[in-house]
């Protein structure tokens, strides 16, 4: 079935799948065992059946989607090359990642006699063990916040964004890393890189105001990333609310704008209540009683000013969990809890691959199942899309063209921002003190575990922020490697050495 471990053949696998061998050294050391005797021609066959489609593709050894997807394919390479896992298990994992049994059976003789009926066996343990061995403390490096921000800015300017806009965008992105929202920080460079190369976004765009009243505005983002347009929208809402008491601003023709809570905290720091929503770039969520996706994760954020406590800052998806959490379970070979994902027939499943590998699975609205209240998350998702798309005229996500690019250079995402001055309601009653009182009451709740006091929204991020401002932002080796690839491809200086 194989031969002694051969680093050269593993290097071929890793090179083709776009992963530096150094990232997997610890995994390889822990695996040991036989190397399945794949020839280079057979490995080439593997890459030809990978289900890449725009904007996902291989070019220059890079897989353009999300960071976790990249980890997954590199992980498959290691498992194929260096594990003692049974051929049936390998076939199952490859089928999970590549989705084509017939072609897989033809790639290698060791796979041709496997029993397809055994593909449902539980493969969690071998995959989890390998992935966990990669997370040793020595693999993660920490960098000063300004270094990470500058790295982001370097890539954005290399892609054609103006220096001023790159600085604004990098500040919002690094803020997500600083408070622990790692899915929306520097890791997004790998995603934006692919969208830029595929002309899904216009990096040189400048947002413009196309309609305005004393209490409202409509901004066109020009097809660019949503950060600059959203800062402009938030500042506009703040200025108008300070004059008129409340104001709303909608944005169209935009793209991903980072963590929604950044903008509501901007409003709260000015003494205003802030609400923000955004539509998504794609669909993954089926409505209650449905089995086909109609919405994205559709986040909503709310922030309120305080005096004694930190700003109350709620930032949440309208799905049961964020897609990234499902992807993490997939990468670790772990099942997801019932209620996170449904299969192609709309039935609850514990297999994250049905969603991540585009096998017809869908995410669930907040609540998970109808019995647990998924209709509430479904309703919130609809609300977010009405606010984000119906007001602005952005692409309607429920329609037939939702997963197709409307025109080159834009993803036509919509955002919505609402700022309210509390003083217009009860000027004699200090609003901030009322919010503080509620927070204090919640903090005084008797906890289940004395070592885990009751927190309110935003406090977990505040704790991480305080820690990372001192110790730096942790960046794992896999992400560093991918950022280096992006820098090399973009002719941008790489700082994360």
Protein backbone atom coordinates (compact mmCIF):
# COMPACT_ATOMS: atom_id res chain seq x y z
CA UNK A 1 0.00 0.00 0.00
CA UNK A 2 2.90 2.40 0.27
CA UNK A 3 6.51 2.98 1.15
CA UNK A 4 8.54 4.76 3.81
CA UNK A 5 7.86 8.43 4.34
CA UNK A 6 9.22 10.47 1.44
CA UNK A 7 9.48 14.20 2.04
CA UNK A 8 9.95 14.86 -1.66
CA UNK A 9 6.56 13.46 -2.56
CA UNK A 10 4.89 15.36 0.25
CA UNK A 11 6.54 18.53 -1.03
CA UNK A 12 4.94 17.89 -4.41
CA UNK A 13 1.51 17.54 -2.83
CA UNK A 14 1.93 20.65 -0.76
CA UNK A 15 3.32 22.65 -3.65
CA UNK A 16 0.44 21.74 -5.93
CA UNK A 17 -2.16 22.47 -3.29
CA UNK A 18 -0.51 25.76 -2.47
CA UNK A 19 0.96 25.23 0.98
CA UNK A 20 4.48 25.74 2.26
CA UNK A 21 5.79 22.56 3.84
CA UNK A 22 7.00 24.43 6.91
CA UNK A 23 3.44 25.04 8.02
CA UNK A 24 2.81 21.33 8.32
CA UNK A 25 6.06 20.17 9.93
CA UNK A 26 4.51 19.45 13.31
CA UNK A 27 1.57 17.67 11.71
CA UNK A 28 3.92 15.52 9.67
CA UNK A 29 6.05 14.65 12.69
CA UNK A 30 2.99 13.44 14.56
CA UNK A 31 1.56 11.46 11.66
CA UNK A 32 4.46 9.21 10.73
CA UNK A 33 3.57 6.03 8.86
CA UNK A 34 3.45 5.08 5.23
CA UNK A 35 3.33 7.35 2.24
CA UNK A 36 0.74 6.29 -0.28
CA UNK A 37 2.52 5.85 -3.55
CA UNK A 38 1.04 8.70 -5.59
CA UNK A 39 2.90 9.63 -8.73
CA UNK A 40 3.10 13.23 -9.87
CA UNK A 41 0.67 12.40 -12.65
CA UNK A 42 -1.80 11.05 -10.10
CA UNK A 43 -1.36 14.15 -7.98
CA UNK A 44 -1.94 16.31 -11.04
CA UNK A 45 -5.16 14.35 -11.47
CA UNK A 46 -6.19 15.35 -7.97
CA UNK A 47 -5.78 19.04 -8.69
CA UNK A 48 -7.79 18.78 -11.90
CA UNK A 49 -10.89 17.57 -10.07
CA UNK A 50 -10.81 20.14 -7.29
CA UNK A 51 -14.17 21.91 -7.48
CA UNK A 52 -12.82 25.42 -8.03
CA UNK A 53 -15.09 27.95 -9.68
CA UNK A 54 -14.95 31.70 -9.87
CA UNK A 55 -13.94 33.45 -7.73
CA UNK A 56 -12.19 30.38 -6.39
CA UNK A 57 -9.25 29.21 -8.43
CA UNK A 58 -5.65 28.09 -8.31
CA UNK A 59 -3.13 30.50 -9.75
CA UNK A 60 0.47 30.64 -8.75
CA UNK A 61 -0.14 28.06 -6.04
CA UNK A 62 -2.84 30.09 -4.34
CA UNK A 63 -6.39 29.04 -3.51
CA UNK A 64 -8.64 32.06 -3.38
CA UNK A 65 -11.53 31.74 -1.00
CA UNK A 66 -11.27 31.88 2.77
CA UNK A 67 -8.28 31.09 5.00
CA UNK A 68 -9.96 28.03 6.46
CA UNK A 69 -10.61 26.57 3.01
CA UNK A 70 -6.92 26.86 2.28
CA UNK A 71 -6.07 25.03 5.50
CA UNK A 72 -8.50 22.28 4.58
CA UNK A 73 -6.92 21.43 1.25
CA UNK A 74 -3.41 21.55 2.65
CA UNK A 75 -4.55 19.28 5.46
CA UNK A 76 -5.94 16.78 2.94
CA UNK A 77 -2.51 16.69 1.30
CA UNK A 78 -0.81 15.82 4.57
CA UNK A 79 -3.33 13.12 5.39
CA UNK A 80 -2.92 11.53 1.96
CA UNK A 81 0.85 11.70 2.07
CA UNK A 82 1.88 10.85 5.59
CA UNK A 83 -0.92 9.23 7.57
CA UNK A 84 -1.62 5.64 8.53
CA UNK A 85 -5.30 6.25 7.87
CA UNK A 86 -7.01 3.40 6.06
CA UNK A 87 -7.55 3.93 2.29
CA UNK A 88 -11.30 3.96 2.89
CA UNK A 89 -10.86 6.86 5.25
CA UNK A 90 -8.68 8.69 2.77
CA UNK A 91 -11.31 8.23 0.10
CA UNK A 92 -13.96 9.56 2.45
CA UNK A 93 -11.93 12.64 3.28
CA UNK A 94 -11.01 13.26 -0.33
CA UNK A 95 -14.61 12.81 -1.37
CA UNK A 96 -15.65 15.23 1.35
CA UNK A 97 -13.22 17.83 0.03
CA UNK A 98 -13.35 17.17 -3.69
CA UNK A 99 -16.82 15.73 -4.16
CA UNK A 100 -16.30 13.24 -7.00
CA UNK A 101 -16.17 9.54 -6.15
CA UNK A 102 -15.95 8.26 -9.70
CA UNK A 103 -12.88 10.29 -10.55
CA UNK A 104 -11.26 9.58 -7.21
CA UNK A 105 -11.55 5.85 -7.75
CA UNK A 106 -9.56 6.22 -10.96
CA UNK A 107 -6.73 8.22 -9.46
CA UNK A 108 -5.01 5.53 -7.42
CA UNK A 109 -5.26 1.73 -7.32
CA UNK A 110 -5.34 1.77 -3.52
CA UNK A 111 -8.69 3.50 -3.70
CA UNK A 112 -10.27 1.39 -6.42
CA UNK A 113 -11.38 -1.49 -4.17
CA UNK A 114 -12.88 0.52 -1.34
CA UNK A 115 -16.44 -0.11 -0.31
CA UNK A 116 -18.57 2.98 -0.84
CA UNK A 117 -20.99 1.73 1.74
CA UNK A 118 -18.39 2.29 4.46
CA UNK A 119 -17.97 5.97 3.71
CA UNK A 120 -20.13 6.98 6.67
CA UNK A 121 -17.56 5.84 9.23
CA UNK A 122 -16.51 8.38 11.82
CA UNK A 123 -13.16 9.94 10.89
CA UNK A 124 -13.10 12.62 13.55
CA UNK A 125 -10.24 11.29 15.66
CA UNK A 126 -7.40 11.05 13.13
CA UNK A 127 -8.18 14.44 11.63
CA UNK A 128 -8.61 16.21 14.94
CA UNK A 129 -5.35 14.83 16.30
CA UNK A 130 -3.39 16.09 13.34
CA UNK A 131 -4.91 19.54 13.41
CA UNK A 132 -4.46 19.96 17.15
CA UNK A 133 -0.79 19.12 16.92
CA UNK A 134 -0.38 22.12 14.65
CA UNK A 135 -1.62 24.58 17.26
CA UNK A 136 1.37 24.47 19.60
CA UNK A 137 2.27 27.79 21.17
CA UNK A 138 5.52 28.00 19.24
CA UNK A 139 3.66 28.16 15.92
CA UNK A 140 1.86 31.41 16.69
CA UNK A 141 3.68 34.72 16.54
CA UNK A 142 2.39 38.01 17.91
CA UNK A 143 2.85 41.32 16.15
CA UNK A 144 2.29 44.93 17.23
CA UNK A 145 -1.05 46.33 16.13
CA UNK A 146 0.63 48.95 13.97
CA UNK A 147 2.68 46.29 12.17
CA UNK A 148 -0.45 44.34 11.28
CA UNK A 149 -2.22 47.53 10.19
CA UNK A 150 0.71 48.50 7.97
CA UNK A 151 0.78 45.02 6.44
CA UNK A 152 -2.88 45.36 5.50
CA UNK A 153 -2.27 48.85 4.11
CA UNK A 154 0.66 47.62 2.01
CA UNK A 155 -1.50 45.06 0.24
CA UNK A 156 -4.40 47.44 -0.32
CA UNK A 157 -2.22 50.12 -1.89
CA UNK A 158 -0.49 47.49 -4.04
CA UNK A 159 -3.92 46.60 -5.43
CA UNK A 160 -4.66 50.20 -6.39
CA UNK A 161 -6.42 51.68 -3.35
CA UNK A 162 -5.42 55.25 -2.52
CA UNK A 163 -3.18 55.71 0.50
CA UNK A 164 -5.87 57.62 2.39
CA UNK A 165 -8.51 54.94 1.80
CA UNK A 166 -6.05 52.14 2.54
CA UNK A 167 -5.27 53.75 5.89
CA UNK A 168 -8.95 54.01 6.80
CA UNK A 169 -9.65 50.44 5.68
CA UNK A 170 -6.65 49.00 7.49
CA UNK A 171 -7.68 50.73 10.72
CA UNK A 172 -11.09 49.07 10.66
CA UNK A 173 -9.63 45.66 9.73
CA UNK A 174 -6.93 45.68 12.39
CA UNK A 175 -9.51 46.77 14.98
CA UNK A 176 -11.30 43.46 14.34
CA UNK A 177 -8.06 41.56 15.01
CA UNK A 178 -7.41 43.64 18.11
CA UNK A 179 -10.71 42.70 19.73
CA UNK A 180 -10.54 39.03 18.73
CA UNK A 181 -12.76 39.01 15.64
CA UNK A 182 -9.99 37.32 13.67
CA UNK A 183 -12.30 36.31 10.82
CA UNK A 184 -12.70 39.96 9.83
CA UNK A 185 -9.16 41.26 10.16
CA UNK A 186 -5.95 40.62 8.27
CA UNK A 187 -7.14 37.13 7.29
CA UNK A 188 -9.60 38.80 4.89
CA UNK A 189 -6.68 39.85 2.68
CA UNK A 190 -6.61 36.36 1.19
CA UNK A 191 -10.29 36.69 0.26
CA UNK A 192 -10.03 40.24 -1.05
CA UNK A 193 -7.01 39.25 -3.12
CA UNK A 194 -9.09 36.73 -5.05
CA UNK A 195 -11.99 39.12 -5.50
CA UNK A 196 -9.63 41.82 -6.72
CA UNK A 197 -8.00 39.47 -9.24
CA UNK A 198 -11.40 38.36 -10.51
CA UNK A 199 -12.68 41.95 -10.88
CA UNK A 200 -15.35 41.50 -8.23
CA UNK A 201 -14.39 44.72 -6.47
CA UNK A 202 -13.00 48.10 -7.52
CA UNK A 203 -10.17 49.02 -5.17
CA UNK A 204 -9.76 52.54 -6.55
CA UNK A 205 -13.42 53.41 -5.94
CA UNK A 206 -14.41 56.65 -4.21
CA UNK A 207 -17.85 56.72 -2.54
CA UNK A 208 -20.21 59.52 -3.50
CA UNK A 209 -23.43 60.87 -1.99
CA UNK A 210 -26.21 60.56 -4.57
CA UNK A 211 -29.21 61.69 -2.52
CA UNK A 212 -29.51 63.66 0.71
CA UNK A 213 -32.05 65.23 3.07
CA UNK A 214 -31.57 66.77 6.54
CA UNK A 215 -32.16 63.34 8.13
CA UNK A 216 -31.00 60.87 5.47
CA UNK A 217 -28.52 60.12 2.72
CA UNK A 218 -27.81 57.51 0.05
CA UNK A 219 -24.18 56.73 -0.73
CA UNK A 220 -22.85 54.81 -3.74
CA UNK A 221 -19.66 52.93 -2.88
CA UNK A 222 -18.54 52.62 -6.50
CA UNK A 223 -18.02 48.87 -6.26
CA UNK A 224 -15.25 49.21 -3.71
CA UNK A 225 -14.73 47.47 -0.40
CA UNK A 226 -17.32 48.74 2.04
CA UNK A 227 -15.04 50.25 4.68
CA UNK A 228 -14.54 53.78 3.33
CA UNK A 229 -18.16 54.16 2.22
CA UNK A 230 -19.35 52.89 5.60
CA UNK A 231 -17.16 55.31 7.52
CA UNK A 232 -18.51 58.11 5.33
CA UNK A 233 -22.06 56.88 5.95
CA UNK A 234 -21.52 56.63 9.71
CA UNK A 235 -19.97 60.09 9.94
CA UNK A 236 -22.85 61.48 7.88
CA UNK A 237 -25.43 59.83 10.15
CA UNK A 238 -23.64 61.17 13.23
CA UNK A 239 -23.53 64.74 11.92
CA UNK A 240 -27.18 64.73 10.87
CA UNK A 241 -28.35 63.10 14.11
CA UNK A 242 -26.52 65.71 16.17
CA UNK A 243 -28.46 68.37 14.29
CA UNK A 244 -31.87 66.72 13.77
CA UNK A 245 -31.98 64.15 16.59
CA UNK A 246 -31.80 61.06 14.37
CA UNK A 247 -30.64 60.18 10.89
CA UNK A 248 -30.35 57.17 8.59
CA UNK A 249 -27.89 56.52 5.76
CA UNK A 250 -28.05 53.72 3.20
CA UNK A 251 -25.19 52.46 1.01
CA UNK A 252 -25.40 50.60 -2.28
CA UNK A 253 -22.93 49.18 -4.81
CA UNK A 254 -20.62 48.12 -2.00
CA UNK A 255 -18.82 44.98 -0.81
CA UNK A 256 -17.71 43.41 2.48
CA UNK A 257 -17.27 46.12 5.13
CA UNK A 258 -15.71 44.20 8.01
CA UNK A 259 -17.16 43.87 11.49
CA UNK A 260 -20.54 45.63 11.73
CA UNK A 261 -20.01 46.72 15.33
CA UNK A 262 -17.14 49.04 14.39
CA UNK A 263 -19.58 51.55 12.93
CA UNK A 264 -22.12 51.43 15.75
CA UNK A 265 -19.35 52.00 18.29
CA UNK A 266 -18.37 55.09 16.30
CA UNK A 267 -21.88 56.43 16.92
CA UNK A 268 -21.91 55.47 20.59
CA UNK A 269 -18.62 57.27 21.20
CA UNK A 270 -20.45 60.44 20.08
CA UNK A 271 -23.23 59.85 22.60
CA UNK A 272 -25.62 58.36 20.06
CA UNK A 273 -27.40 55.03 19.83
CA UNK A 274 -26.20 53.25 16.71
CA UNK A 275 -27.72 50.51 14.57
CA UNK A 276 -26.09 49.02 11.47
CA UNK A 277 -26.92 46.17 9.12
CA UNK A 278 -25.49 44.72 5.92
CA UNK A 279 -26.50 42.26 3.25
CA UNK A 280 -24.10 39.47 2.30
CA UNK A 281 -21.97 38.66 -0.73
CA UNK A 282 -23.56 35.22 -1.18
CA UNK A 283 -26.34 32.95 0.04
CA UNK A 284 -25.98 30.09 2.50
CA UNK A 285 -29.05 30.31 4.78
CA UNK A 286 -32.37 28.64 4.07
CA UNK A 287 -35.56 30.16 5.49
CA UNK A 288 -37.54 28.17 8.05
CA UNK A 289 -39.38 25.31 6.28
CA UNK A 290 -37.13 25.80 3.21
CA UNK A 291 -34.23 23.76 1.87
CA UNK A 292 -32.53 26.18 -0.54
CA UNK A 293 -30.46 29.19 0.54
CA UNK A 294 -32.01 32.62 0.24
CA UNK A 295 -30.00 34.75 2.67
CA UNK A 296 -26.45 35.25 3.89
CA UNK A 297 -25.37 35.54 7.52
CA UNK A 298 -26.79 39.10 7.49
CA UNK A 299 -25.32 40.68 10.64
CA UNK A 300 -26.84 43.41 12.74
CA UNK A 301 -25.08 45.61 15.30
CA UNK A 302 -26.39 47.84 18.06
CA UNK A 303 -24.42 50.11 20.38
CA UNK A 304 -25.41 52.42 23.23
CA UNK A 305 -23.31 55.01 25.09
CA UNK A 306 -22.54 54.69 28.80
CA UNK A 307 -20.71 56.58 31.52
CA UNK A 308 -19.39 54.09 34.07
CA UNK A 309 -19.15 51.01 31.88
CA UNK A 310 -17.73 50.27 28.46
CA UNK A 311 -19.99 50.99 25.51
CA UNK A 312 -22.72 48.39 25.17
CA UNK A 313 -21.91 46.81 21.80
CA UNK A 314 -23.92 43.95 20.30
CA UNK A 315 -22.64 42.58 16.97
CA UNK A 316 -24.27 39.37 15.79
CA UNK A 317 -25.12 37.30 12.75
CA UNK A 318 -28.75 36.42 12.24
CA UNK A 319 -27.73 32.78 11.78
CA UNK A 320 -27.36 30.21 14.58
CA UNK A 321 -23.59 30.55 14.28
CA UNK A 322 -21.21 32.34 11.97
CA UNK A 323 -20.10 30.37 8.91
CA UNK A 324 -16.53 30.50 10.21
CA UNK A 325 -17.44 28.37 13.22
CA UNK A 326 -18.85 25.69 10.94
CA UNK A 327 -15.71 25.86 8.82
CA UNK A 328 -13.56 25.43 11.92
CA UNK A 329 -15.43 22.24 12.85
CA UNK A 330 -14.93 21.01 9.30
CA UNK A 331 -11.19 21.71 9.42
CA UNK A 332 -10.86 19.89 12.74
CA UNK A 333 -12.84 16.88 11.53
CA UNK A 334 -15.49 17.45 14.16
CA UNK A 335 -19.27 17.18 13.81
CA UNK A 336 -21.36 20.27 14.32
CA UNK A 337 -24.15 20.36 16.89
CA UNK A 338 -27.64 19.66 15.65
CA UNK A 339 -29.25 22.91 14.56
CA UNK A 340 -26.25 24.51 12.88
CA UNK A 341 -26.55 22.95 9.42
CA UNK A 342 -29.28 21.28 7.36
CA UNK A 343 -28.73 18.84 4.50
CA UNK A 344 -29.95 19.31 0.94
CA UNK A 345 -33.39 18.06 1.94
CA UNK A 346 -33.69 20.51 4.83
CA UNK A 347 -33.06 17.94 7.55
CA UNK A 348 -30.70 18.66 10.48
CA UNK A 349 -27.22 17.20 10.06
CA UNK A 350 -24.01 17.07 12.07
CA UNK A 351 -21.80 16.93 8.95
CA UNK A 352 -20.24 20.36 8.26
CA UNK A 353 -18.94 19.18 4.87
CA UNK A 354 -22.45 19.36 3.43
CA UNK A 355 -22.23 23.14 3.72
CA UNK A 356 -18.52 23.83 3.30
CA UNK A 357 -18.11 21.54 0.29
CA UNK A 358 -21.24 22.87 -1.43
CA UNK A 359 -23.07 19.55 -1.20
CA UNK A 360 -26.46 21.19 -0.87
CA UNK A 361 -26.21 21.95 2.85
CA UNK A 362 -27.47 25.22 4.27
CA UNK A 363 -26.94 27.25 7.40
CA UNK A 364 -29.83 27.68 9.77
CA UNK A 365 -31.35 30.97 10.87
CA UNK A 366 -30.76 31.95 14.48
CA UNK A 367 -32.57 29.35 16.59
CA UNK A 368 -31.47 26.36 14.54
CA UNK A 369 -34.70 24.40 14.31
CA UNK A 370 -38.33 25.47 14.09
CA UNK A 371 -38.91 24.03 17.57
CA UNK A 372 -36.07 26.18 18.92
CA UNK A 373 -37.29 29.33 17.22
CA UNK A 374 -35.52 29.48 13.84
CA UNK A 375 -38.42 31.54 12.53
CA UNK A 376 -37.11 34.37 14.71
CA UNK A 377 -33.67 34.34 13.09
CA UNK A 378 -35.35 34.02 9.70
CA UNK A 379 -37.39 37.13 10.47
CA UNK A 380 -34.30 39.03 11.59
CA UNK A 381 -32.50 38.06 8.38
CA UNK A 382 -35.40 39.39 6.36
CA UNK A 383 -35.37 42.60 8.38
CA UNK A 384 -31.64 43.09 7.74
CA UNK A 385 -32.13 42.63 4.00
CA UNK A 386 -35.04 45.07 3.89
CA UNK A 387 -33.00 47.72 5.69
CA UNK A 388 -29.80 47.05 3.72
CA UNK A 389 -31.19 46.45 0.21
CA UNK A 390 -34.71 47.83 -0.13
CA UNK A 391 -33.74 51.30 1.11
CA UNK A 392 -30.50 51.51 -0.88
CA UNK A 393 -31.49 49.74 -4.08
CA UNK A 394 -28.71 47.18 -3.65
CA UNK A 395 -28.96 43.68 -5.07
CA UNK A 396 -31.86 41.68 -3.62
CA UNK A 397 -30.36 38.53 -2.14
CA UNK A 398 -33.48 36.39 -2.41
CA UNK A 399 -33.66 36.67 -6.20
CA UNK A 400 -32.38 34.40 -8.94
CA UNK A 401 -29.33 36.57 -9.67
CA UNK A 402 -28.19 36.82 -6.05
CA UNK A 403 -25.21 34.48 -6.51
CA UNK A 404 -24.13 36.11 -9.76
CA UNK A 405 -22.05 39.24 -10.14
CA UNK A 406 -24.39 42.05 -11.29
CA UNK A 407 -21.73 43.87 -13.32
CA UNK A 408 -17.92 43.64 -13.37
CA UNK A 409 -16.18 45.47 -10.57
CA UNK A 410 -18.93 45.33 -7.96
CA UNK A 411 -20.72 42.90 -5.66
CA UNK A 412 -23.54 45.42 -5.03
CA UNK A 413 -23.83 44.77 -1.30
CA UNK A 414 -26.09 47.09 0.68
CA UNK A 415 -25.60 48.62 4.15
CA UNK A 416 -27.80 50.60 6.52
CA UNK A 417 -26.83 52.93 9.37
CA UNK A 418 -29.14 54.62 11.90
CA UNK A 419 -28.01 57.12 14.55
CA UNK A 420 -30.31 58.34 17.34
CA UNK A 421 -29.65 61.08 19.87
CA UNK A 422 -31.21 59.87 23.17
CA UNK A 423 -31.78 63.45 24.34
CA UNK A 424 -34.66 63.98 21.89
CA UNK A 425 -36.87 61.66 23.96
CA UNK A 426 -36.26 62.56 27.61
CA UNK A 427 -33.71 65.36 27.89
CA UNK A 428 -34.09 65.51 31.67
CA UNK A 429 -33.24 61.84 32.18
CA UNK A 430 -29.62 60.81 31.65
CA UNK A 431 -29.79 58.02 29.09
CA UNK A 432 -26.28 56.75 29.76
CA UNK A 433 -27.00 56.25 33.46
CA UNK A 434 -30.01 54.10 32.61
CA UNK A 435 -27.86 51.90 30.39
CA UNK A 436 -25.21 51.71 33.10
CA UNK A 437 -27.85 50.66 35.63
CA UNK A 438 -28.97 47.78 33.42
CA UNK A 439 -25.37 46.65 32.89
CA UNK A 440 -24.64 46.85 36.62
CA UNK A 441 -27.76 44.80 37.40
CA UNK A 442 -26.69 42.12 34.93
CA UNK A 443 -23.17 42.05 36.34
CA UNK A 444 -24.71 41.47 39.78
CA UNK A 445 -26.48 38.33 38.59
CA UNK A 446 -25.48 35.25 40.61
CA UNK A 447 -23.36 33.22 38.16
CA UNK A 448 -23.60 29.49 37.54
CA UNK A 449 -19.81 29.29 37.89
CA UNK A 450 -18.18 31.75 40.31
CA UNK A 451 -15.14 31.81 38.03
CA UNK A 452 -17.26 33.02 35.12
CA UNK A 453 -19.19 36.18 35.96
CA UNK A 454 -22.10 37.34 33.83
CA UNK A 455 -20.98 39.61 31.00
CA UNK A 456 -22.85 41.82 28.55
CA UNK A 457 -22.37 42.18 24.81
CA UNK A 458 -19.05 43.70 23.85
CA UNK A 459 -17.23 42.82 27.06
CA UNK A 460 -15.55 39.63 25.75
CA UNK A 461 -14.10 41.73 22.92
CA UNK A 462 -13.04 44.44 25.37
CA UNK A 463 -11.13 41.85 27.41
CA UNK A 464 -9.32 40.56 24.34
CA UNK A 465 -8.59 44.11 23.18
CA UNK A 466 -6.90 44.99 26.48
CA UNK A 467 -4.76 41.86 26.26
CA UNK A 468 -3.76 42.28 22.61
CA UNK A 469 -2.94 45.95 23.01
CA UNK A 470 -0.20 44.76 25.37
CA UNK A 471 0.90 41.45 23.84
CA UNK A 472 0.16 42.00 20.15
CA UNK A 473 -2.06 40.29 17.59
CA UNK A 474 -1.50 36.52 17.27
CA UNK A 475 -1.10 35.25 13.72
CA UNK A 476 -0.73 31.50 13.11
CA UNK A 477 1.83 30.15 10.65
CA UNK A 478 -0.69 29.10 8.03
CA UNK A 479 -2.10 32.59 7.77
CA UNK A 480 1.39 34.12 7.73
CA UNK A 481 2.26 31.85 4.83
CA UNK A 482 -0.85 32.85 2.92
CA UNK A 483 -0.26 36.55 3.54
CA UNK A 484 3.30 36.12 2.28
CA UNK A 485 1.92 34.51 -0.88
CA UNK A 486 -0.47 37.42 -1.33
CA UNK A 487 2.35 39.93 -0.86
CA UNK A 488 4.57 38.10 -3.33
CA UNK A 489 1.81 37.96 -5.92
CA UNK A 490 0.91 41.62 -5.32
CA UNK A 491 4.47 42.98 -5.16
CA UNK A 492 3.77 44.27 -1.65
CA UNK A 493 6.28 44.32 1.20
CA UNK A 494 5.83 41.40 3.62
CA UNK A 495 6.24 42.47 7.26
CA UNK A 496 5.20 39.39 9.25
CA UNK A 497 8.65 37.78 9.43
